[in-house]
């Protein structure tokens, strides 16, 4: 297809003069310094730097501002979809800082962990690098009120739950406890609930 670019420039910008077109391009760049509409691409080194900044206490918002992009774009680079079979991702947070990512495979009762902080006290499993399913169940219980609590039935009723299930409880409460500033974010992937139901039957 033959395009008459001189004619096209006249139609779009009212001129075909190179100096005038250069001025128009400069005005556009000044009005759109962040190149809105274009997603920033990061190198492997950029991603390593981002991980390091987050591990050392910088918030996702602060990192996004430093790299002149959005939290969503950074999140896509840092949080790849879990491996096959892992159908729940829980992110253990300290205030707005992600500390541990826990990928859960309910069907095979296994978890994979990615620690995002060097602070052992803010990691979901502390110094344990490869936690077991039992460790995971203990972790969930520790983010709940005790089953033996006197008003446990009343609390369950308030949460609209019929039984004491640590996973369902932390889904409702986000794992928040009065003693600390830790909490949980949840992201379910397809088939999780069906798999979990099969595992419980």
Foldseek 3Di string as FASTA:
>chain_A
DDDPVQVVCCVPPVHSDPVVVVVVVVVVCVVCVLVPPDADDDDPVLLVVLLVCLQVPDALCRSCVVVSHDSVSNCCVVDDDDDPQQFKWKFKDQQRRTAKIWTARQLVLAIAIDGSYPPQVSHLQRPDRGDGSVSVQVSLCVLDDHPPDPCNVVVCVVLVHDDDDSVSRLVSVQSDDPVHRIGMDMDGHPPPVVSNVVSVD
